[in-house]
């Protein structure tokens, strides 16, 4: 038993001595439980200039997604994975849809200068998952990164398509995954 305690103590000393000024904390946050039921989905009639927004014209605030200002204060790198399920009603023809992810320092999220985008080709009657991953640090996008680090930001997702004049079907979208990975400098964290 003494050997086990001594060995465990040595392991703990080795681990603690590895912590230094450059120690980073990696936190994975599944934000889906924070999204109120019904706000992560929507549908729209297929028509010319289709635009479907989730959740609405404001977007989700950082606080809505379980991200506090204290948690984000020591942020060194930010990663976001978004998964949505798109489906097109059976009476439509195949169509291309653009999913845009908007991050903005003020509401509404959709006023952001430029969204992160991914394209999807939809087949009527078949559900399709659309994935978008964003990785960001101070060097890559300093203005937006500082906004994220402040904890005062809004996120919104919009689906757009040229659509077709007089379309009769619907486009449905459902948010299935909203996962954040935060990498923070331990010395800069005020509330982790």
N, C-alpha and C. Protein backbone atom coordinates (compact mmCIF):
# COMPACT_ATOMS: atom_id res chain seq x y z
N UNK A 1 0.82 -1.19 0.00
CA UNK A 1 0.00 0.00 0.00
C UNK A 1 0.87 1.25 0.00
N UNK A 2 1.98 1.21 0.77
CA UNK A 2 2.87 2.37 0.82
C UNK A 2 3.44 2.66 -0.56
N UNK A 3 3.79 1.60 -1.30
CA UNK A 3 4.35 1.79 -2.64
C UNK A 3 3.33 2.48 -3.56
N UNK A 4 2.08 2.07 -3.44
CA UNK A 4 1.04 2.68 -4.27
C UNK A 4 0.90 4.17 -3.95
N UNK A 5 0.89 4.51 -2.68
CA UNK A 5 0.74 5.92 -2.28
C UNK A 5 1.96 6.73 -2.73
N UNK A 6 3.14 6.16 -2.61
CA UNK A 6 4.35 6.86 -3.06
C UNK A 6 4.32 7.04 -4.57
N UNK A 7 3.94 6.00 -5.29
CA UNK A 7 3.86 6.09 -6.75
C UNK A 7 2.81 7.13 -7.18
N UNK A 8 1.66 7.12 -6.53
CA UNK A 8 0.62 8.09 -6.84
C UNK A 8 1.10 9.51 -6.54
N UNK A 9 1.80 9.69 -5.44
CA UNK A 9 2.34 11.01 -5.09
C UNK A 9 3.34 11.49 -6.13
N UNK A 10 4.19 10.59 -6.62
CA UNK A 10 5.16 10.96 -7.66
C UNK A 10 4.46 11.37 -8.95
N UNK A 11 3.41 10.65 -9.30
CA UNK A 11 2.65 10.99 -10.51
C UNK A 11 2.01 12.37 -10.35
N UNK A 12 1.42 12.64 -9.20
CA UNK A 12 0.80 13.95 -8.96
C UNK A 12 1.83 15.07 -8.99
N UNK A 13 2.99 14.86 -8.40
CA UNK A 13 4.05 15.86 -8.42
C UNK A 13 4.49 16.12 -9.86
N UNK A 14 4.63 15.06 -10.64
CA UNK A 14 5.03 15.22 -12.04
C UNK A 14 3.98 16.01 -12.82
N UNK A 15 2.71 15.70 -12.59
CA UNK A 15 1.65 16.43 -13.29
C UNK A 15 1.60 17.90 -12.88
N UNK A 16 1.69 18.16 -11.60
CA UNK A 16 1.63 19.55 -11.14
C UNK A 16 2.85 20.35 -11.57
N UNK A 17 4.00 19.72 -11.64
CA UNK A 17 5.19 20.45 -12.07
C UNK A 17 5.12 20.79 -13.55
N UNK A 18 4.30 20.07 -14.30
CA UNK A 18 4.14 20.37 -15.72
C UNK A 18 3.29 21.61 -15.94
N UNK A 19 2.52 22.01 -14.93
CA UNK A 19 1.70 23.22 -15.06
C UNK A 19 2.58 24.44 -14.89
N UNK A 20 2.53 25.29 -15.84
CA UNK A 20 3.34 26.50 -15.79
C UNK A 20 2.58 27.64 -16.42
N UNK A 21 3.30 28.72 -16.71
CA UNK A 21 2.64 29.90 -17.27
C UNK A 21 2.02 29.67 -18.64
N UNK A 22 2.42 28.62 -19.32
CA UNK A 22 1.87 28.37 -20.65
C UNK A 22 0.82 27.26 -20.64
N UNK A 23 0.32 26.91 -19.48
CA UNK A 23 -0.69 25.86 -19.39
C UNK A 23 -2.00 26.34 -19.99
N UNK A 24 -2.61 25.46 -20.77
CA UNK A 24 -3.88 25.80 -21.42
C UNK A 24 -4.96 24.84 -20.96
N UNK A 25 -6.14 25.36 -20.89
CA UNK A 25 -7.31 24.57 -20.51
C UNK A 25 -8.19 24.42 -21.75
N UNK A 26 -8.55 23.19 -22.07
CA UNK A 26 -9.41 22.91 -23.22
C UNK A 26 -10.77 22.46 -22.69
N UNK A 27 -11.80 23.17 -23.11
CA UNK A 27 -13.15 22.87 -22.65
C UNK A 27 -14.07 22.66 -23.84
N UNK A 28 -14.80 21.56 -23.84
CA UNK A 28 -15.78 21.27 -24.88
C UNK A 28 -17.17 21.54 -24.29
N UNK A 29 -17.96 22.32 -25.02
CA UNK A 29 -19.30 22.68 -24.55
C UNK A 29 -20.32 22.30 -25.61
N UNK A 30 -21.27 21.46 -25.22
CA UNK A 30 -22.40 21.12 -26.08
C UNK A 30 -23.50 22.13 -25.76
N UNK A 31 -23.75 23.07 -26.66
CA UNK A 31 -24.72 24.14 -26.40
C UNK A 31 -26.16 23.74 -26.67
N UNK A 32 -26.39 22.58 -27.25
CA UNK A 32 -27.77 22.19 -27.60
C UNK A 32 -28.73 22.16 -26.40
N UNK A 33 -28.31 21.69 -25.23
CA UNK A 33 -29.25 21.70 -24.10
C UNK A 33 -29.69 23.11 -23.68
N UNK A 34 -28.94 24.13 -24.07
CA UNK A 34 -29.28 25.50 -23.70
C UNK A 34 -30.26 26.15 -24.69
N UNK A 35 -30.44 25.54 -25.85
CA UNK A 35 -31.31 26.10 -26.88
C UNK A 35 -32.75 25.70 -26.57
N UNK A 36 -33.64 26.68 -26.36
CA UNK A 36 -35.04 26.33 -26.06
C UNK A 36 -35.67 25.51 -27.18
N UNK A 37 -36.48 24.54 -26.79
CA UNK A 37 -37.12 23.66 -27.77
C UNK A 37 -37.94 24.48 -28.76
N UNK A 38 -37.80 24.16 -30.01
CA UNK A 38 -38.52 24.86 -31.05
C UNK A 38 -37.75 26.01 -31.68
N UNK A 39 -36.78 26.58 -30.96
CA UNK A 39 -36.02 27.71 -31.50
C UNK A 39 -34.89 27.27 -32.42
N UNK A 40 -34.55 26.01 -32.40
CA UNK A 40 -33.47 25.51 -33.24
C UNK A 40 -33.95 24.90 -34.54
N UNK A 41 -35.16 25.25 -34.95
CA UNK A 41 -35.69 24.69 -36.19
C UNK A 41 -36.64 25.67 -36.86
N UNK A 42 -36.90 25.41 -38.12
CA UNK A 42 -37.82 26.27 -38.85
C UNK A 42 -38.08 25.71 -40.23
N UNK A 43 -39.05 26.30 -40.92
CA UNK A 43 -39.34 25.90 -42.29
C UNK A 43 -39.83 27.11 -43.06
N UNK A 44 -39.68 27.03 -44.38
CA UNK A 44 -40.07 28.14 -45.24
C UNK A 44 -40.56 27.59 -46.57
N UNK A 45 -41.51 28.28 -47.16
CA UNK A 45 -42.01 27.92 -48.48
C UNK A 45 -40.93 28.19 -49.52
N UNK A 46 -40.77 27.25 -50.45
CA UNK A 46 -39.81 27.43 -51.53
C UNK A 46 -40.36 28.50 -52.46
N UNK A 47 -39.61 29.55 -52.63
CA UNK A 47 -40.01 30.64 -53.50
C UNK A 47 -38.74 31.35 -53.94
N UNK A 48 -38.87 32.32 -54.79
CA UNK A 48 -37.68 33.05 -55.21
C UNK A 48 -37.10 33.79 -54.01
N UNK A 49 -35.79 33.85 -53.95
CA UNK A 49 -35.06 34.51 -52.86
C UNK A 49 -35.42 33.96 -51.49
N UNK A 50 -35.39 32.65 -51.36
CA UNK A 50 -35.68 31.96 -50.10
C UNK A 50 -34.68 32.39 -49.03
N UNK A 51 -35.17 32.70 -47.83
CA UNK A 51 -34.30 32.95 -46.69
C UNK A 51 -35.00 32.43 -45.45
N UNK A 52 -34.36 31.50 -44.77
CA UNK A 52 -34.89 30.90 -43.55
C UNK A 52 -33.86 31.15 -42.46
N UNK A 53 -34.28 31.79 -41.35
CA UNK A 53 -33.36 32.13 -40.27
C UNK A 53 -33.66 31.31 -39.02
N UNK A 54 -32.59 30.87 -38.37
CA UNK A 54 -32.71 30.17 -37.09
C UNK A 54 -31.79 30.88 -36.11
N UNK A 55 -32.28 31.32 -34.97
CA UNK A 55 -33.59 31.09 -34.42
C UNK A 55 -34.62 32.11 -34.93
N UNK A 56 -34.25 33.36 -35.06
CA UNK A 56 -35.16 34.39 -35.54
C UNK A 56 -34.30 35.55 -36.00
N UNK A 57 -34.84 36.74 -36.01
CA UNK A 57 -34.06 37.89 -36.49
C UNK A 57 -32.99 38.36 -35.51
N UNK A 58 -33.01 37.91 -34.27
CA UNK A 58 -32.01 38.33 -33.29
C UNK A 58 -30.81 37.40 -33.24
N UNK A 59 -31.04 36.11 -33.19
CA UNK A 59 -29.96 35.13 -33.03
C UNK A 59 -29.86 34.68 -31.58
N UNK A 60 -28.99 33.72 -31.32
CA UNK A 60 -28.75 33.24 -29.96
C UNK A 60 -27.63 34.08 -29.36
N UNK A 61 -27.80 34.56 -28.13
CA UNK A 61 -26.72 35.29 -27.47
C UNK A 61 -25.75 34.27 -26.87
N UNK A 62 -24.54 34.72 -26.58
CA UNK A 62 -23.55 33.83 -25.95
C UNK A 62 -24.11 33.26 -24.66
N UNK A 63 -24.80 34.09 -23.91
CA UNK A 63 -25.40 33.65 -22.65
C UNK A 63 -26.47 32.58 -22.88
N UNK A 64 -27.27 32.74 -23.95
CA UNK A 64 -28.29 31.73 -24.29
C UNK A 64 -27.66 30.37 -24.52
N UNK A 65 -26.41 30.36 -25.01
CA UNK A 65 -25.73 29.11 -25.35
C UNK A 65 -24.86 28.60 -24.21
N UNK A 66 -24.98 29.19 -23.01
CA UNK A 66 -24.24 28.72 -21.86
C UNK A 66 -22.81 29.22 -21.77
N UNK A 67 -22.48 30.29 -22.51
CA UNK A 67 -21.12 30.83 -22.50
C UNK A 67 -21.11 32.14 -21.73
N UNK A 68 -20.45 32.15 -20.58
CA UNK A 68 -20.40 33.37 -19.77
C UNK A 68 -19.19 34.22 -20.16
N UNK A 69 -19.27 35.50 -19.81
CA UNK A 69 -18.15 36.42 -20.08
C UNK A 69 -16.89 35.95 -19.36
N UNK A 70 -17.04 35.47 -18.13
CA UNK A 70 -15.88 35.00 -17.37
C UNK A 70 -15.22 33.80 -18.05
N UNK A 71 -16.03 32.92 -18.59
CA UNK A 71 -15.51 31.73 -19.26
C UNK A 71 -14.70 32.10 -20.49
N UNK A 72 -15.12 33.12 -21.20
CA UNK A 72 -14.47 33.50 -22.46
C UNK A 72 -13.32 34.49 -22.28
N UNK A 73 -13.13 35.03 -21.07
CA UNK A 73 -12.14 36.09 -20.88
C UNK A 73 -10.71 35.66 -21.19
N UNK A 74 -10.34 34.43 -20.93
CA UNK A 74 -8.98 33.97 -21.18
C UNK A 74 -8.82 33.23 -22.50
N UNK A 75 -9.78 33.40 -23.38
CA UNK A 75 -9.81 32.66 -24.65
C UNK A 75 -8.55 32.88 -25.48
N UNK A 76 -7.95 31.77 -25.92
CA UNK A 76 -6.79 31.82 -26.81
C UNK A 76 -7.14 31.29 -28.20
N UNK A 77 -8.12 30.39 -28.24
CA UNK A 77 -8.56 29.81 -29.51
C UNK A 77 -10.01 29.36 -29.36
N UNK A 78 -10.76 29.45 -30.44
CA UNK A 78 -12.19 29.20 -30.43
C UNK A 78 -12.52 28.28 -31.59
N UNK A 79 -13.28 27.25 -31.32
CA UNK A 79 -13.71 26.33 -32.38
C UNK A 79 -15.21 26.10 -32.22
N UNK A 80 -15.90 26.04 -33.35
CA UNK A 80 -17.34 25.84 -33.33
C UNK A 80 -17.71 24.86 -34.43
N UNK A 81 -18.46 23.82 -34.05
CA UNK A 81 -18.99 22.84 -35.01
C UNK A 81 -20.51 22.96 -35.01
N UNK A 82 -21.07 23.16 -36.19
CA UNK A 82 -22.52 23.28 -36.33
C UNK A 82 -23.00 22.18 -37.27
N UNK A 83 -24.03 21.46 -36.85
CA UNK A 83 -24.64 20.43 -37.69
C UNK A 83 -26.13 20.73 -37.79
N UNK A 84 -26.63 20.82 -39.01
CA UNK A 84 -28.06 21.00 -39.20
C UNK A 84 -28.58 19.93 -40.15
N UNK A 85 -29.82 19.58 -39.95
CA UNK A 85 -30.49 18.64 -40.85
C UNK A 85 -31.42 19.45 -41.76
N UNK A 86 -31.21 19.32 -43.05
CA UNK A 86 -32.03 20.01 -44.04
C UNK A 86 -32.87 19.00 -44.79
N UNK A 87 -34.09 19.36 -45.10
CA UNK A 87 -34.92 18.49 -45.94
C UNK A 87 -35.81 19.35 -46.82
N UNK A 88 -36.07 18.81 -47.97
CA UNK A 88 -36.87 19.46 -49.00
C UNK A 88 -38.09 18.60 -49.23
N UNK A 89 -39.27 19.20 -49.26
CA UNK A 89 -40.48 18.41 -49.46
C UNK A 89 -40.45 17.70 -50.81
N UNK A 90 -41.19 16.61 -50.90
CA UNK A 90 -41.12 15.73 -52.07
C UNK A 90 -41.64 16.36 -53.36
N UNK A 91 -42.47 17.38 -53.27
CA UNK A 91 -43.03 17.94 -54.49
C UNK A 91 -42.09 18.93 -55.20
N UNK A 92 -40.91 19.14 -54.66
CA UNK A 92 -39.97 20.09 -55.26
C UNK A 92 -38.93 19.40 -56.12
N UNK A 93 -38.23 20.20 -56.89
CA UNK A 93 -37.08 19.72 -57.67
C UNK A 93 -35.84 19.86 -56.80
N UNK A 94 -34.76 19.13 -57.08
CA UNK A 94 -33.52 19.30 -56.32
C UNK A 94 -33.09 20.78 -56.35
N UNK A 95 -32.46 21.23 -55.28
CA UNK A 95 -32.01 22.62 -55.24
C UNK A 95 -30.77 22.77 -54.39
N UNK A 96 -30.01 23.82 -54.66
CA UNK A 96 -28.82 24.16 -53.88
C UNK A 96 -29.20 25.18 -52.83
N UNK A 97 -28.69 24.98 -51.62
CA UNK A 97 -28.96 25.87 -50.50
C UNK A 97 -27.62 26.27 -49.89
N UNK A 98 -27.51 27.52 -49.47
CA UNK A 98 -26.33 28.00 -48.76
C UNK A 98 -26.68 28.17 -47.30
N UNK A 99 -25.88 27.54 -46.42
CA UNK A 99 -26.04 27.75 -44.99
C UNK A 99 -25.00 28.78 -44.57
N UNK A 100 -25.46 29.87 -43.97
CA UNK A 100 -24.55 30.92 -43.50
C UNK A 100 -24.60 31.01 -41.99
N UNK A 101 -23.43 31.00 -41.35
CA UNK A 101 -23.32 31.16 -39.91
C UNK A 101 -22.87 32.58 -39.63
N UNK A 102 -23.66 33.30 -38.87
CA UNK A 102 -23.38 34.71 -38.58
C UNK A 102 -22.96 34.86 -37.12
N UNK A 103 -21.87 35.56 -36.89
CA UNK A 103 -21.41 35.91 -35.55
C UNK A 103 -21.27 37.43 -35.52
N UNK A 104 -21.94 38.06 -34.55
CA UNK A 104 -21.93 39.52 -34.50
C UNK A 104 -21.90 39.98 -33.05
N UNK A 105 -21.28 41.12 -32.80
CA UNK A 105 -21.16 41.66 -31.45
C UNK A 105 -22.43 42.26 -30.90
N UNK A 106 -23.39 42.54 -31.75
CA UNK A 106 -24.66 43.11 -31.32
C UNK A 106 -25.80 42.37 -32.02
N UNK A 107 -26.98 42.47 -31.44
CA UNK A 107 -28.15 41.87 -32.10
C UNK A 107 -28.64 42.85 -33.16
N UNK A 108 -29.14 42.39 -34.25
CA UNK A 108 -29.29 41.00 -34.64
C UNK A 108 -28.00 40.40 -35.21
N UNK A 109 -27.86 39.11 -35.03
CA UNK A 109 -26.67 38.41 -35.53
C UNK A 109 -26.55 38.53 -37.03
N UNK A 110 -27.68 38.63 -37.71
CA UNK A 110 -27.67 38.61 -39.17
C UNK A 110 -27.18 39.91 -39.80
N UNK A 111 -26.85 40.90 -38.96
CA UNK A 111 -26.24 42.13 -39.46
C UNK A 111 -24.72 42.00 -39.58
N UNK A 112 -24.19 40.83 -39.24
CA UNK A 112 -22.73 40.62 -39.35
C UNK A 112 -22.29 40.88 -40.78
N UNK A 113 -21.07 41.39 -40.90
CA UNK A 113 -20.55 41.79 -42.20
C UNK A 113 -20.50 40.65 -43.20
N UNK A 114 -19.96 39.50 -42.79
CA UNK A 114 -19.80 38.38 -43.71
C UNK A 114 -19.99 37.07 -42.95
N UNK A 115 -20.90 36.22 -43.42
CA UNK A 115 -21.10 34.94 -42.74
C UNK A 115 -20.05 33.91 -43.16
N UNK A 116 -19.92 32.87 -42.34
CA UNK A 116 -19.17 31.68 -42.72
C UNK A 116 -20.18 30.81 -43.47
N UNK A 117 -19.80 30.27 -44.63
CA UNK A 117 -20.80 29.59 -45.45
C UNK A 117 -20.38 28.19 -45.88
N UNK A 118 -21.41 27.37 -46.13
CA UNK A 118 -21.23 26.04 -46.69
C UNK A 118 -22.43 25.79 -47.61
N UNK A 119 -22.19 25.05 -48.69
CA UNK A 119 -23.23 24.75 -49.68
C UNK A 119 -23.79 23.35 -49.47
N UNK A 120 -25.05 23.17 -49.81
CA UNK A 120 -25.68 21.85 -49.75
C UNK A 120 -26.56 21.68 -50.99
N UNK A 121 -26.54 20.47 -51.54
CA UNK A 121 -27.42 20.13 -52.67
C UNK A 121 -28.49 19.20 -52.12
N UNK A 122 -29.72 19.65 -52.16
CA UNK A 122 -30.82 18.89 -51.55
C UNK A 122 -31.63 18.14 -52.59
N UNK A 123 -31.97 16.90 -52.23
CA UNK A 123 -32.82 16.04 -53.05
C UNK A 123 -34.18 15.97 -52.35
N UNK A 124 -35.27 16.18 -53.06
CA UNK A 124 -36.60 16.14 -52.43
C UNK A 124 -36.84 14.83 -51.68
N UNK A 125 -37.41 14.96 -50.48
CA UNK A 125 -37.78 13.79 -49.69
C UNK A 125 -36.64 13.14 -48.92
N UNK A 126 -35.41 13.65 -49.05
CA UNK A 126 -34.26 13.07 -48.35
C UNK A 126 -33.67 14.09 -47.38
N UNK A 127 -33.56 13.70 -46.11
CA UNK A 127 -32.92 14.57 -45.13
C UNK A 127 -31.41 14.51 -45.32
N UNK A 128 -30.76 15.63 -45.14
CA UNK A 128 -29.31 15.70 -45.33
C UNK A 128 -28.70 16.54 -44.21
N UNK A 129 -27.63 16.02 -43.59
CA UNK A 129 -26.91 16.78 -42.58
C UNK A 129 -25.90 17.70 -43.25
N UNK A 130 -25.86 18.93 -42.78
CA UNK A 130 -24.90 19.91 -43.27
C UNK A 130 -23.99 20.29 -42.11
N UNK A 131 -22.68 20.20 -42.33
CA UNK A 131 -21.68 20.46 -41.29
C UNK A 131 -20.90 21.72 -41.61
N UNK A 132 -20.60 22.51 -40.59
CA UNK A 132 -19.74 23.68 -40.74
C UNK A 132 -18.87 23.78 -39.50
N UNK A 133 -17.56 23.88 -39.70
CA UNK A 133 -16.62 24.02 -38.59
C UNK A 133 -15.84 25.31 -38.77
N UNK A 134 -15.72 26.06 -37.69
CA UNK A 134 -14.97 27.31 -37.68
C UNK A 134 -13.91 27.20 -36.59
N UNK A 135 -12.68 27.54 -36.92
CA UNK A 135 -11.60 27.61 -35.94
C UNK A 135 -11.03 29.01 -36.02
N UNK A 136 -10.89 29.67 -34.88
CA UNK A 136 -10.48 31.05 -34.90
C UNK A 136 -9.53 31.36 -33.74
N UNK A 137 -8.57 32.24 -34.01
CA UNK A 137 -7.67 32.73 -32.96
C UNK A 137 -7.43 34.22 -33.20
N UNK A 138 -6.68 34.82 -32.32
CA UNK A 138 -6.37 36.26 -32.41
C UNK A 138 -5.70 36.61 -33.73
N UNK A 139 -4.84 35.73 -34.23
CA UNK A 139 -4.09 36.00 -35.45
C UNK A 139 -4.97 35.91 -36.70
N UNK A 140 -5.94 35.02 -36.71
CA UNK A 140 -6.72 34.74 -37.91
C UNK A 140 -7.80 35.79 -38.19
N UNK A 141 -8.45 36.29 -37.17
CA UNK A 141 -9.54 37.25 -37.35
C UNK A 141 -9.63 38.09 -36.08
N UNK A 142 -8.68 39.03 -35.89
CA UNK A 142 -8.58 39.73 -34.61
C UNK A 142 -9.85 40.46 -34.16
N UNK A 143 -10.54 41.13 -35.07
CA UNK A 143 -11.73 41.87 -34.67
C UNK A 143 -12.83 40.98 -34.14
N UNK A 144 -13.17 39.95 -34.89
CA UNK A 144 -14.23 39.03 -34.47
C UNK A 144 -13.79 38.23 -33.24
N UNK A 145 -12.51 37.86 -33.18
CA UNK A 145 -12.02 37.10 -32.03
C UNK A 145 -12.18 37.91 -30.74
N UNK A 146 -11.87 39.20 -30.78
CA UNK A 146 -12.04 40.04 -29.59
C UNK A 146 -13.51 40.14 -29.19
N UNK A 147 -14.39 40.16 -30.18
CA UNK A 147 -15.83 40.17 -29.89
C UNK A 147 -16.23 38.88 -29.17
N UNK A 148 -15.74 37.74 -29.67
CA UNK A 148 -16.05 36.45 -29.03
C UNK A 148 -15.49 36.42 -27.61
N UNK A 149 -14.27 36.90 -27.47
CA UNK A 149 -13.59 36.89 -26.17
C UNK A 149 -14.32 37.76 -25.14
N UNK A 150 -14.99 38.80 -25.60
CA UNK A 150 -15.73 39.68 -24.69
C UNK A 150 -16.96 39.00 -24.10
N UNK A 151 -17.45 37.95 -24.77
CA UNK A 151 -18.65 37.27 -24.31
C UNK A 151 -19.93 37.95 -24.74
N UNK A 152 -19.82 39.05 -25.46
CA UNK A 152 -20.98 39.78 -25.96
C UNK A 152 -21.13 39.53 -27.46
N UNK A 153 -21.73 38.41 -27.81
CA UNK A 153 -21.93 38.15 -29.23
C UNK A 153 -23.21 37.35 -29.44
N UNK A 154 -23.66 37.39 -30.68
CA UNK A 154 -24.88 36.69 -31.08
C UNK A 154 -24.55 35.79 -32.26
N UNK A 155 -25.20 34.63 -32.32
CA UNK A 155 -25.00 33.67 -33.39
C UNK A 155 -26.34 33.40 -34.06
N UNK A 156 -26.32 33.38 -35.38
CA UNK A 156 -27.52 33.06 -36.14
C UNK A 156 -27.17 32.22 -37.35
N UNK A 157 -28.11 31.43 -37.80
CA UNK A 157 -27.91 30.59 -38.98
C UNK A 157 -29.00 30.94 -39.99
N UNK A 158 -28.59 31.18 -41.22
CA UNK A 158 -29.56 31.49 -42.28
C UNK A 158 -29.34 30.56 -43.45
N UNK A 159 -30.42 30.13 -44.04
CA UNK A 159 -30.38 29.28 -45.23
C UNK A 159 -30.95 30.10 -46.38
N UNK A 160 -30.21 30.18 -47.45
CA UNK A 160 -30.66 30.97 -48.60
C UNK A 160 -30.55 30.15 -49.88
N UNK A 161 -31.40 30.51 -50.82
CA UNK A 161 -31.38 29.87 -52.13
C UNK A 161 -32.06 30.80 -53.12
N UNK A 162 -31.69 30.66 -54.36
CA UNK A 162 -32.38 31.41 -55.39
C UNK A 162 -33.82 30.94 -55.45
N UNK A 163 -34.04 29.67 -55.11
CA UNK A 163 -35.40 29.12 -55.10
C UNK A 163 -35.98 29.08 -56.49
N UNK A 164 -37.28 28.99 -56.55
CA UNK A 164 -37.95 28.99 -57.84
C UNK A 164 -39.25 29.77 -57.73
N UNK A 165 -39.56 30.51 -58.74
CA UNK A 165 -40.77 31.32 -58.77
C UNK A 165 -42.00 30.43 -58.62
N UNK A 166 -42.86 30.76 -57.66
CA UNK A 166 -44.10 30.00 -57.49
C UNK A 166 -43.91 28.60 -56.94
N UNK A 167 -42.82 28.36 -56.19
CA UNK A 167 -42.59 27.05 -55.61
C UNK A 167 -43.71 26.67 -54.65
N UNK A 168 -43.98 25.38 -54.53
CA UNK A 168 -45.10 24.94 -53.69
C UNK A 168 -44.65 24.16 -52.47
N UNK A 169 -43.42 23.71 -52.44
CA UNK A 169 -42.95 22.88 -51.34
C UNK A 169 -42.33 23.69 -50.22
N UNK A 170 -41.69 22.98 -49.29
CA UNK A 170 -41.05 23.65 -48.16
C UNK A 170 -39.64 23.14 -47.92
N UNK A 171 -38.82 24.03 -47.39
CA UNK A 171 -37.48 23.69 -46.90
C UNK A 171 -37.58 23.68 -45.39
N UNK A 172 -37.12 22.59 -44.77
CA UNK A 172 -37.12 22.49 -43.31
C UNK A 172 -35.69 22.37 -42.83
N UNK A 173 -35.40 23.03 -41.72
CA UNK A 173 -34.05 22.99 -41.14
C UNK A 173 -34.17 22.74 -39.64
N UNK A 174 -33.27 21.91 -39.13
CA UNK A 174 -33.26 21.62 -37.70
C UNK A 174 -31.82 21.59 -37.23
N UNK A 175 -31.53 22.38 -36.20
CA UNK A 175 -30.20 22.40 -35.60
C UNK A 175 -30.01 21.12 -34.80
N UNK A 176 -28.99 20.32 -35.16
CA UNK A 176 -28.74 19.04 -34.49
C UNK A 176 -27.52 19.07 -33.59
N UNK A 177 -26.59 19.97 -33.87
CA UNK A 177 -25.38 20.03 -33.08
C UNK A 177 -24.81 21.43 -33.05
N UNK A 178 -24.42 21.89 -31.87
CA UNK A 178 -23.80 23.20 -31.68
C UNK A 178 -22.75 23.02 -30.60
N UNK A 179 -21.54 22.69 -31.02
CA UNK A 179 -20.47 22.33 -30.08
C UNK A 179 -19.34 23.35 -30.15
N UNK A 180 -18.98 23.88 -28.99
CA UNK A 180 -17.88 24.82 -28.88
C UNK A 180 -16.69 24.13 -28.26
N UNK A 181 -15.50 24.46 -28.72
CA UNK A 181 -14.28 24.06 -28.04
C UNK A 181 -13.53 25.35 -27.74
N UNK A 182 -13.29 25.58 -26.46
CA UNK A 182 -12.61 26.78 -26.02
C UNK A 182 -11.25 26.39 -25.49
N UNK A 183 -10.22 27.03 -25.99
CA UNK A 183 -8.86 26.82 -25.48
C UNK A 183 -8.46 28.13 -24.82
N UNK A 184 -8.16 28.07 -23.53
CA UNK A 184 -7.87 29.28 -22.77
C UNK A 184 -6.54 29.16 -22.05
N UNK A 185 -5.86 30.29 -21.90
CA UNK A 185 -4.66 30.36 -21.08
C UNK A 185 -5.11 30.36 -19.62
N UNK A 186 -4.59 29.42 -18.84
CA UNK A 186 -5.03 29.27 -17.45
C UNK A 186 -4.81 30.56 -16.66
N UNK A 187 -3.71 31.26 -16.90
CA UNK A 187 -3.41 32.48 -16.15
C UNK A 187 -4.38 33.62 -16.44
N UNK A 188 -5.08 33.56 -17.56
CA UNK A 188 -5.99 34.64 -17.95
C UNK A 188 -7.45 34.36 -17.64
N UNK A 189 -7.73 33.24 -17.04
CA UNK A 189 -9.12 32.85 -16.81
C UNK A 189 -9.61 33.45 -15.50
N UNK A 190 -10.79 34.07 -15.56
CA UNK A 190 -11.34 34.62 -14.33
C UNK A 190 -12.51 33.82 -13.78
N UNK A 191 -13.08 32.91 -14.58
CA UNK A 191 -14.25 32.20 -14.06
C UNK A 191 -14.46 30.80 -14.57
N UNK A 192 -13.43 30.09 -14.98
CA UNK A 192 -13.63 28.74 -15.50
C UNK A 192 -14.03 27.82 -14.41
